[in-house]
C-alpha atoms as a PDB file:
ATOM      1  CA  MET A   1     104.954 115.649 100.095  1.00  0.00           C
ATOM      2  CA  ARG A   2     102.552 113.691 102.144  1.00  0.00           C
ATOM      3  CA  LYS A   3     102.864 109.878 101.403  1.00  0.00           C
ATOM      4  CA  VAL A   4      99.801 108.021 100.746  1.00  0.00           C
ATOM      5  CA  SER A   5      99.741 103.947 100.713  1.00  0.00           C
ATOM      6  CA  PRO A   6      98.043 102.405  97.654  1.00  0.00           C
ATOM      7  CA  ALA A   7      98.282  99.060  99.405  1.00  0.00           C
ATOM      8  CA  LEU A   8      94.408  98.782  99.970  1.00  0.00           C
ATOM      9  CA  PRO A   9      92.453  99.568  96.750  1.00  0.00           C
ATOM     10  CA  GLY A  10      88.929 100.640  97.659  1.00  0.00           C
ATOM     11  CA  LEU A  11      89.596 101.370 101.246  1.00  0.00           C
ATOM     12  CA  PRO A  12      90.742 104.657 102.682  1.00  0.00           C
ATOM     13  CA  PRO A  13      94.634 105.580 102.529  1.00  0.00           C
ATOM     14  CA  ARG A  14      96.635 105.239 105.623  1.00  0.00           C
ATOM     15  CA  THR A  15      98.798 108.362 106.202  1.00  0.00           C
ATOM     16  CA  ALA A  16     100.289 110.154 109.096  1.00  0.00           C
ATOM     17  CA  GLU A  17      96.933 112.407 109.132  1.00  0.00           C
ATOM     18  CA  ASN A  18      94.677 109.466 108.918  1.00  0.00           C
ATOM     19  CA  GLY A  19      94.625 107.198 111.860  1.00  0.00           C
ATOM     20  CA  ARG A  20      93.044 103.886 110.969  1.00  0.00           C
ATOM     21  CA  MET A  21      93.303 100.877 113.112  1.00  0.00           C
ATOM     22  CA  LEU A  22      93.134  97.496 111.294  1.00  0.00           C
ATOM     23  CA  ILE A  23      91.107  94.749 112.965  1.00  0.00           C
ATOM     24  CA  MET A  24      91.566  91.362 111.535  1.00  0.00           C
ATOM     25  CA  LEU A  25      88.779  88.790 112.207  1.00  0.00           C
ATOM     26  CA  PRO A  26      88.499  85.064 111.463  1.00  0.00           C
ATOM     27  CA  PRO A  27      85.500  83.944 109.306  1.00  0.00           C
ATOM     28  CA  SER A  28      82.857  81.337 110.743  1.00  0.00           C
ATOM     29  CA  GLU A  29      81.743  78.044 109.791  1.00  0.00           C
ATOM     30  CA  THR A  30      78.023  79.129 110.321  1.00  0.00           C
ATOM     31  CA  LYS A  31      76.630  81.512 107.792  1.00  0.00           C
ATOM     32  CA  THR A  32      73.282  83.117 107.298  1.00  0.00           C
ATOM     33  CA  ARG A  33      72.098  82.895 103.720  1.00  0.00           C
ATOM     34  CA  PRO A  34      71.298  86.337 102.397  1.00  0.00           C
ATOM     35  CA  SER A  35      67.780  87.045 101.051  1.00  0.00           C
ATOM     36  CA  GLU A  36      67.211  85.990  97.214  1.00  0.00           C
ATOM     37  CA  VAL A  37      65.073  88.917  96.968  1.00  0.00           C
ATOM     38  CA  ASP A  38      67.513  91.610  98.105  1.00  0.00           C
ATOM     39  CA  GLY A  39      70.940  90.062  97.741  1.00  0.00           C
ATOM     40  CA  ALA A  40      72.584  90.656  94.133  1.00  0.00           C
ATOM     41  CA  PRO A  41      74.652  87.983  92.662  1.00  0.00           C
ATOM     42  CA  LEU A  42      78.459  87.658  93.604  1.00  0.00           C
ATOM     43  CA  ASP A  43      80.442  90.473  91.615  1.00  0.00           C
ATOM     44  CA  LEU A  44      84.073  89.876  92.170  1.00  0.00           C
ATOM     45  CA  ASP A  45      84.995  92.914  90.161  1.00  0.00           C
ATOM     46  CA  ALA A  46      83.250  95.095  92.923  1.00  0.00           C
ATOM     47  CA  MET A  47      85.286  93.482  95.788  1.00  0.00           C
ATOM     48  CA  CYS A  48      87.884  95.543  97.657  1.00  0.00           C
ATOM     49  CA  MET A  49      91.782  94.465  97.068  1.00  0.00           C
ATOM     50  CA  PRO A  50      91.237  93.865  93.471  1.00  0.00           C
ATOM     51  CA  GLN A  51      94.721  92.461  93.504  1.00  0.00           C
ATOM     52  CA  LEU A  52      93.181  89.402  94.679  1.00  0.00           C
ATOM     53  CA  GLY A  53      90.779  89.136  91.745  1.00  0.00           C
ATOM     54  CA  GLU A  54      92.429  86.302  89.702  1.00  0.00           C
ATOM     55  CA  ALA A  55      93.195  84.201  92.905  1.00  0.00           C
ATOM     56  CA  ARG A  56      89.575  84.436  93.985  1.00  0.00           C
ATOM     57  CA  ARG A  57      88.438  83.333  90.443  1.00  0.00           C
ATOM     58  CA  THR A  58      90.923  80.464  90.697  1.00  0.00           C
ATOM     59  CA  MET A  59      89.334  79.553  94.022  1.00  0.00           C
ATOM     60  CA  LEU A  60      85.865  79.624  92.930  1.00  0.00           C
ATOM     61  CA  ARG A  61      86.734  77.320  89.892  1.00  0.00           C
ATOM     62  CA  ALA A  62      88.317  74.828  92.353  1.00  0.00           C
ATOM     63  CA  ALA A  63      85.273  74.881  94.775  1.00  0.00           C
ATOM     64  CA  ARG A  64      83.013  74.439  91.801  1.00  0.00           C
ATOM     65  CA  ARG A  65      84.949  71.206  90.512  1.00  0.00           C
ATOM     66  CA  THR A  66      84.982  70.069  94.093  1.00  0.00           C
ATOM     67  CA  ALA A  67      81.362  70.245  94.656  1.00  0.00           C
ATOM     68  CA  ALA A  68      80.885  68.444  91.347  1.00  0.00           C
ATOM     69  CA  GLY A  69      83.148  65.671  92.171  1.00  0.00           C
ATOM     70  CA  PRO A  70      83.051  62.479  94.424  1.00  0.00           C
ATOM     71  CA  GLU A  71      82.983  62.637  98.123  1.00  0.00           C
ATOM     72  CA  ALA A  72      82.358  66.579  97.787  1.00  0.00           C
ATOM     73  CA  ALA A  73      80.762  66.924 101.104  1.00  0.00           C
ATOM     74  CA  ALA A  74      83.776  65.520 102.796  1.00  0.00           C
ATOM     75  CA  HIS A  75      86.312  67.668 100.986  1.00  0.00           C
ATOM     76  CA  LEU A  76      84.182  70.861 101.594  1.00  0.00           C
ATOM     77  CA  GLY A  77      83.464  70.029 105.143  1.00  0.00           C
ATOM     78  CA  VAL A  78      79.751  69.979 104.523  1.00  0.00           C
ATOM     79  CA  PRO A  79      77.853  68.375 107.458  1.00  0.00           C
ATOM     80  CA  ALA A  80      75.543  65.358 106.685  1.00  0.00           C
ATOM     81  CA  SER A  81      72.633  67.316 108.087  1.00  0.00           C
ATOM     82  CA  ALA A  82      72.846  70.031 105.255  1.00  0.00           C
ATOM     83  CA  PRO A  83      73.507  68.238 101.976  1.00  0.00           C
ATOM     84  CA  GLU A  84      72.172  71.338 100.121  1.00  0.00           C
ATOM     85  CA  LEU A  85      75.165  73.424 100.782  1.00  0.00           C
ATOM     86  CA  VAL A  86      77.081  71.342  98.215  1.00  0.00           C
ATOM     87  CA  GLY A  87      74.676  72.306  95.498  1.00  0.00           C
ATOM     88  CA  ARG A  88      74.986  75.852  96.426  1.00  0.00           C
ATOM     89  CA  MET A  89      78.852  75.750  95.916  1.00  0.00           C
ATOM     90  CA  LEU A  90      78.130  74.476  92.392  1.00  0.00           C
ATOM     91  CA  HIS A  91      76.309  77.795  91.892  1.00  0.00           C
ATOM     92  CA  LEU A  92      77.866  80.428  94.050  1.00  0.00           C
ATOM     93  CA  GLU A  93      78.079  83.156  91.329  1.00  0.00           C
ATOM     94  CA  GLN A  94      74.284  83.029  91.314  1.00  0.00           C
ATOM     95  CA  GLU A  95      73.731  82.890  95.072  1.00  0.00           C
ATOM     96  CA  PRO A  96      72.226  85.948  96.733  1.00  0.00           C
ATOM     97  CA  THR A  97      75.055  88.325  98.566  1.00  0.00           C
ATOM     98  CA  ALA A  98      75.346  90.773 101.502  1.00  0.00           C
ATOM     99  CA  PRO A  99      77.779  92.613 103.731  1.00  0.00           C
ATOM    100  CA  PRO A 100      80.035  89.962 105.276  1.00  0.00           C
ATOM    101  CA  LEU A 101      78.936  91.056 108.925  1.00  0.00           C
ATOM    102  CA  THR A 102      75.264  89.682 108.166  1.00  0.00           C
ATOM    103  CA  VAL A 103      76.516  86.741 106.376  1.00  0.00           C
ATOM    104  CA  TYR A 104      79.222  85.206 109.086  1.00  0.00           C
ATOM    105  CA  SER A 105      77.493  84.176 112.166  1.00  0.00           C
ATOM    106  CA  GLY A 106      78.253  82.124 115.391  1.00  0.00           C
ATOM    107  CA  VAL A 107      80.162  83.068 118.634  1.00  0.00           C
ATOM    108  CA  LEU A 108      82.367  85.896 117.660  1.00  0.00           C
ATOM    109  CA  TYR A 109      79.897  87.479 115.432  1.00  0.00           C
ATOM    110  CA  ASP A 110      76.978  87.192 118.106  1.00  0.00           C
ATOM    111  CA  GLN A 111      79.258  89.622 120.391  1.00  0.00           C
ATOM    112  CA  LEU A 112      78.773  92.360 117.762  1.00  0.00           C
ATOM    113  CA  ALA A 113      75.788  94.959 117.487  1.00  0.00           C
ATOM    114  CA  PRO A 114      73.492  94.236 114.724  1.00  0.00           C
ATOM    115  CA  ASP A 115      73.436  96.570 111.505  1.00  0.00           C
ATOM    116  CA  LEU A 116      77.183  98.013 112.336  1.00  0.00           C
ATOM    117  CA  VAL A 117      78.031 100.299 110.027  1.00  0.00           C
ATOM    118  CA  PRO A 118      81.554 101.695 108.577  1.00  0.00           C
ATOM    119  CA  VAL A 119      83.338 103.272 111.701  1.00  0.00           C
ATOM    120  CA  GLN A 120      85.689 106.250 111.169  1.00  0.00           C
ATOM    121  CA  GLY A 121      89.407 105.488 112.102  1.00  0.00           C
ATOM    122  CA  ARG A 122      88.861 101.585 111.932  1.00  0.00           C
ATOM    123  CA  ASP A 123      88.774  99.198 109.177  1.00  0.00           C
ATOM    124  CA  VAL A 124      87.848  95.290 109.547  1.00  0.00           C
ATOM    125  CA  LEU A 125      88.955  92.729 107.349  1.00  0.00           C
ATOM    126  CA  ILE A 126      87.785  89.217 107.561  1.00  0.00           C
ATOM    127  CA  GLN A 127      89.894  86.165 106.596  1.00  0.00           C
ATOM    128  CA  SER A 128      88.215  83.997 103.995  1.00  0.00           C
ATOM    129  CA  ALA A 129      89.221  80.518 102.752  1.00  0.00           C
ATOM    130  CA  LEU A 130      87.066  81.409  99.610  1.00  0.00           C
ATOM    131  CA  PHE A 131      87.941  85.073  98.910  1.00  0.00           C
ATOM    132  CA  GLY A 132      91.673  85.362 100.837  1.00  0.00           C
ATOM    133  CA  LEU A 133      90.211  88.523 102.436  1.00  0.00           C
ATOM    134  CA  VAL A 134      87.062  90.589 102.587  1.00  0.00           C
ATOM    135  CA  ASP A 135      86.234  94.107 103.831  1.00  0.00           C
ATOM    136  CA  ALA A 136      83.547  93.448 106.507  1.00  0.00           C
ATOM    137  CA  PHE A 137      81.466  96.658 105.733  1.00  0.00           C
ATOM    138  CA  ARG A 138      82.217  97.294 101.865  1.00  0.00           C
ATOM    139  CA  ASP A 139      82.242  93.987 100.351  1.00  0.00           C
ATOM    140  CA  ARG A 140      79.206  91.601  99.460  1.00  0.00           C
ATOM    141  CA  ILE A 141      79.540  87.675  99.660  1.00  0.00           C
ATOM    142  CA  PRO A 142      77.197  84.708  99.486  1.00  0.00           C
ATOM    143  CA  ALA A 143      76.918  82.073 102.156  1.00  0.00           C
ATOM    144  CA  TYR A 144      79.651  79.286 101.364  1.00  0.00           C
ATOM    145  CA  ARG A 145      80.969  76.397 103.060  1.00  0.00           C
ATOM    146  CA  LEU A 146      84.678  76.200 102.761  1.00  0.00           C
ATOM    147  CA  SER A 147      87.462  76.256 105.457  1.00  0.00           C
ATOM    148  CA  SER A 148      91.352  76.400 105.444  1.00  0.00           C
ATOM    149  CA  GLY A 149      91.417  72.780 105.949  1.00  0.00           C
ATOM    150  CA  SER A 150      89.129  72.037 102.801  1.00  0.00           C
ATOM    151  CA  SER A 151      90.667  69.907 100.210  1.00  0.00           C
ATOM    152  CA  LEU A 152      90.065  71.412  96.715  1.00  0.00           C
ATOM    153  CA  SER A 153      90.496  69.971  93.261  1.00  0.00           C
ATOM    154  CA  ARG A 154      93.930  70.811  91.896  1.00  0.00           C
ATOM    155  CA  LEU A 155      94.771  73.299  94.630  1.00  0.00           C
ATOM    156  CA  GLY A 156      94.928  71.196  97.601  1.00  0.00           C
ATOM    157  CA  LYS A 157      94.404  72.506 101.142  1.00  0.00           C
ATOM    158  CA  ALA A 158      92.582  75.863 100.682  1.00  0.00           C
ATOM    159  CA  GLY A 159      94.883  77.429 103.630  1.00  0.00           C
ATOM    160  CA  SER A 160      98.223  76.116 102.186  1.00  0.00           C
ATOM    161  CA  TRP A 161      97.266  77.590  98.791  1.00  0.00           C
ATOM    162  CA  TRP A 162      96.060  81.077 100.035  1.00  0.00           C
ATOM    163  CA  GLY A 163      99.349  81.132 102.091  1.00  0.00           C
ATOM    164  CA  LYS A 164     101.146  81.607  98.883  1.00  0.00           C
ATOM    165  CA  GLN A 165      98.881  84.360  97.418  1.00  0.00           C
ATOM    166  CA  LEU A 166      98.502  86.456 100.397  1.00  0.00           C
ATOM    167  CA  ARG A 167     102.208  86.534 101.262  1.00  0.00           C
ATOM    168  CA  PRO A 168     102.842  89.771  99.345  1.00  0.00           C
ATOM    169  CA  LEU A 169      99.552  91.308 100.750  1.00  0.00           C
ATOM    170  CA  ALA A 170     100.607  90.677 104.202  1.00  0.00           C
ATOM    171  CA  SER A 171     103.664  92.989 103.625  1.00  0.00           C
ATOM    172  CA  GLU A 172     101.444  95.575 101.825  1.00  0.00           C
ATOM    173  CA  LEU A 173      98.933  95.668 104.932  1.00  0.00           C
ATOM    174  CA  CYS A 174     102.027  96.071 107.315  1.00  0.00           C
ATOM    175  CA  ALA A 175     103.682  98.747 105.292  1.00  0.00           C
ATOM    176  CA  ALA A 176     100.437 100.624 104.973  1.00  0.00           C
ATOM    177  CA  GLN A 177      99.599 100.537 108.615  1.00  0.00           C
ATOM    178  CA  ALA A 178     103.142 101.623 109.329  1.00  0.00           C
ATOM    179  CA  ARG A 179     101.931 104.968 107.644  1.00  0.00           C
ATOM    180  CA  SER A 180      98.888 105.528 109.718  1.00  0.00           C
ATOM    181  CA  ALA A 181      98.649 107.707 112.755  1.00  0.00           C
ATOM    182  CA  SER A 182      97.081 104.364 114.307  1.00  0.00           C
ATOM    183  CA  PRO A 183      99.989 101.994 113.448  1.00  0.00           C
ATOM    184  CA  LEU A 184      98.034  99.020 114.969  1.00  0.00           C
ATOM    185  CA  VAL A 185      96.673  95.679 113.729  1.00  0.00           C
ATOM    186  CA  ILE A 186      94.207  93.912 116.396  1.00  0.00           C
ATOM    187  CA  ASP A 187      94.565  90.095 115.142  1.00  0.00           C
ATOM    188  CA  CYS A 188      91.631  88.318 116.330  1.00  0.00           C
ATOM    189  CA  ARG A 189      92.082  85.415 114.085  1.00  0.00           C
ATOM    190  CA  SER A 190      92.520  81.795 115.265  1.00  0.00           C
ATOM    191  CA  GLY A 191      95.837  79.866 114.571  1.00  0.00           C
ATOM    192  CA  GLY A 192      94.877  78.545 111.365  1.00  0.00           C
ATOM    193  CA  TYR A 193      93.815  81.680 109.566  1.00  0.00           C
ATOM    194  CA  ARG A 194      96.881  83.658 111.236  1.00  0.00           C
ATOM    195  CA  SER A 195      98.950  80.721 109.404  1.00  0.00           C
ATOM    196  CA  MET A 196      97.323  81.375 106.138  1.00  0.00           C
ATOM    197  CA  MET A 197      98.704  85.105 106.248  1.00  0.00           C
ATOM    198  CA  SER A 198     101.164  86.074 108.841  1.00  0.00           C
ATOM    199  CA  LEU A 199     101.233  89.673 110.242  1.00  0.00           C
ATOM    200  CA  ARG A 200     103.997  90.530 112.479  1.00  0.00           C
ATOM    201  CA  SER A 201     105.243  93.502 114.463  1.00  0.00           C
ATOM    202  CA  GLY A 202     108.129  95.552 112.980  1.00  0.00           C
ATOM    203  CA  ASP A 203     109.048  98.336 110.709  1.00  0.00           C
ATOM    204  CA  GLY A 204     106.874 100.804 112.505  1.00  0.00           C
ATOM    205  CA  VAL A 205     103.694  98.735 112.825  1.00  0.00           C
ATOM    206  CA  ARG A 206     102.528  96.765 116.051  1.00  0.00           C
ATOM    207  CA  VAL A 207     100.548  93.424 115.599  1.00  0.00           C
ATOM    208  CA  LEU A 208      98.645  92.415 118.559  1.00  0.00           C
ATOM    209  CA  GLU A 209      97.221  88.970 119.052  1.00  0.00           C
ATOM    210  CA  VAL A 210      94.106  88.967 121.246  1.00  0.00           C
ATOM    211  CA  ALA A 211      94.665  86.180 123.722  1.00  0.00           C
ATOM    212  CA  PRO A 212      92.139  85.179 126.018  1.00  0.00           C
ATOM    213  CA  VAL A 213      93.361  83.431 129.258  1.00  0.00           C
ATOM    214  CA  GLN A 214      91.478  82.279 132.502  1.00  0.00           C
ATOM    215  CA  GLU A 215      93.027  82.907 135.835  1.00  0.00           C
ATOM    216  CA  ARG A 216      92.247  80.668 138.811  1.00  0.00           C
ATOM    217  CA  ALA A 217      94.061  80.917 142.121  1.00  0.00           C
ATOM    218  CA  GLY A 218      96.850  82.668 140.434  1.00  0.00           C
ATOM    219  CA  VAL A 219      97.441  80.278 137.933  1.00  0.00           C
ATOM    220  CA  ARG A 220      96.499  80.992 134.161  1.00  0.00           C
ATOM    221  CA  LYS A 221      95.641  78.915 131.091  1.00  0.00           C
ATOM    222  CA  VAL A 222      94.713  79.658 127.524  1.00  0.00           C
ATOM    223  CA  ILE A 223      90.878  79.776 126.735  1.00  0.00           C
ATOM    224  CA  SER A 224      90.521  77.770 123.537  1.00  0.00           C
ATOM    225  CA  HIS A 225      86.888  76.773 123.358  1.00  0.00           C
ATOM    226  CA  ASP A 226      85.314  80.028 124.189  1.00  0.00           C
ATOM    227  CA  ALA A 227      88.124  82.375 122.723  1.00  0.00           C
ATOM    228  CA  LYS A 228      85.907  83.713 119.962  1.00  0.00           C
ATOM    229  CA  ARG A 229      83.494  85.093 122.256  1.00  0.00           C
ATOM    230  CA  TYR A 230      86.150  87.203 123.979  1.00  0.00           C
ATOM    231  CA  ARG A 231      87.639  88.301 120.607  1.00  0.00           C
ATOM    232  CA  GLY A 232      84.199  89.401 119.643  1.00  0.00           C
ATOM    233  CA  LEU A 233      83.786  91.347 122.922  1.00  0.00           C
ATOM    234  CA  VAL A 234      87.201  93.124 122.390  1.00  0.00           C
ATOM    235  CA  THR A 235      86.074  94.060 118.696  1.00  0.00           C
ATOM    236  CA  GLN A 236      82.821  95.539 119.733  1.00  0.00           C
ATOM    237  CA  VAL A 237      84.721  97.807 122.365  1.00  0.00           C
ATOM    238  CA  LEU A 238      87.486  98.923 119.438  1.00  0.00           C
ATOM    239  CA  LEU A 239      84.369  99.948 117.102  1.00  0.00           C
ATOM    240  CA  ASP A 240      82.657 101.715 119.826  1.00  0.00           C
ATOM    241  CA  LEU A 241      85.397 104.179 120.545  1.00  0.00           C
ATOM    242  CA  ASP A 242      85.177 107.699 119.542  1.00  0.00           C
ATOM    243  CA  ARG A 243      88.534 107.507 117.828  1.00  0.00           C
ATOM    244  CA  ALA A 244      91.383 104.895 117.070  1.00  0.00           C
ATOM    245  CA  PRO A 245      93.999 104.196 119.538  1.00  0.00           C
ATOM    246  CA  THR A 246      97.452 105.043 118.525  1.00  0.00           C
ATOM    247  CA  THR A 247      99.587 102.841 120.812  1.00  0.00           C
ATOM    248  CA  ALA A 248      99.380  99.178 122.395  1.00  0.00           C
ATOM    249  CA  GLU A 249      99.152 100.979 125.748  1.00  0.00           C
ATOM    250  CA  ASP A 250      96.232 103.030 124.502  1.00  0.00           C
ATOM    251  CA  VAL A 251      94.609  99.841 123.515  1.00  0.00           C
ATOM    252  CA  VAL A 252      94.967  98.101 126.785  1.00  0.00           C
ATOM    253  CA  GLU A 253      93.398 101.275 128.435  1.00  0.00           C
ATOM    254  CA  ALA A 254      90.572 101.616 126.119  1.00  0.00           C
ATOM    255  CA  VAL A 255      89.414  97.979 126.074  1.00  0.00           C
ATOM    256  CA  GLY A 256      89.928  97.513 129.891  1.00  0.00           C
ATOM    257  CA  GLU A 257      87.409 100.553 130.330  1.00  0.00           C
ATOM    258  CA  GLY A 258      85.132  99.326 127.643  1.00  0.00           C
ATOM    259  CA  LEU A 259      84.694  95.952 129.335  1.00  0.00           C
ATOM    260  CA  ASP A 260      83.657  97.823 132.544  1.00  0.00           C
ATOM    261  CA  GLY A 261      86.327  95.946 134.710  1.00  0.00           C
ATOM    262  CA  GLN A 262      84.384  92.618 134.016  1.00  0.00           C
ATOM    263  CA  LEU A 263      87.788  91.418 132.556  1.00  0.00           C
ATOM    264  CA  ARG A 264      91.327  92.380 132.962  1.00  0.00           C
ATOM    265  CA  VAL A 265      93.396  93.691 129.822  1.00  0.00           C
ATOM    266  CA  GLU A 266      96.992  93.371 129.801  1.00  0.00           C
ATOM    267  CA  LEU A 267     100.105  93.682 127.253  1.00  0.00           C
ATOM    268  CA  ASP A 268     102.406  90.637 127.128  1.00  0.00           C
ATOM    269  CA  GLY A 269     104.640  91.290 124.383  1.00  0.00           C
ATOM    270  CA  ASP A 270     102.551  91.354 121.246  1.00  0.00           C
ATOM    271  CA  ARG A 271      99.770  89.435 122.974  1.00  0.00           C
ATOM    272  CA  LEU A 272      96.959  91.389 124.285  1.00  0.00           C
ATOM    273  CA  LEU A 273      95.870  89.352 127.270  1.00  0.00           C
ATOM    274  CA  VAL A 274      92.115  89.309 127.922  1.00  0.00           C
ATOM    275  CA  VAL A 275      91.972  87.900 131.571  1.00  0.00           C
ATOM    276  CA  ASP A 276      88.861  86.430 132.934  1.00  0.00           C
ATOM    277  CA  HIS A 277      89.383  85.883 136.818  1.00  0.00           C
ATOM    278  CA  VAL A 278      87.312  82.808 138.225  1.00  0.00           C
ATOM    279  CA  SER A 279      87.087  81.994 141.649  1.00  0.00           C
END
């Protein structure tokens, strides 16, 4: 009998006949507030991965307490130029919502085509300090101000707290991917969010960390400041493919072709190197 993984409620199952690549993205500090006219209020019960429901409610309560307390802006990471964000964090359940790909903005998301729709054979999950994980296409979220380093009332650092909640889900995600005809995870997250939920190769799944590097006169150095741009470019290429790659080598070839030779793509263990050669 065909085995179907139940690890991702609300998402298509991963089976040997159903090749679905998983792309992991980080959130962004900058967000676009959804329209108050078109954006329905937050509905946690309608979100994918309902096994995170109670943890999401706990985090929302902690965010509310923090926003109501002393030094709220400092704890939440709200810039002095936007004090109104503290007030919004007090009433997140009443804030308008929209699909995450229209809420998150910034360098990585600027590389993605506007009005993206779900792509056959690919799922995109975005790490979130407020919701744990969100489905880039299927969920609806408000614009919020919270990061993995935020200090929350009674919970401590958001990233550390989520790390404990997400550990079981990380195992479920990898086990589900291993059942797929595309047993790949393309990890575009930053270090802080990878620490929140560690995903590693093994037991039939390959996790590839997208690692941009600059090469000058044969010497390579890690790109940190502009890394998000390269990861956004890789994500868009993978979403443009007619079908999901099935091996790491297929990913290297497909991404290299999709970038039209402007950047070189190599495999270094479990790192997908995106090499920018500068003279």
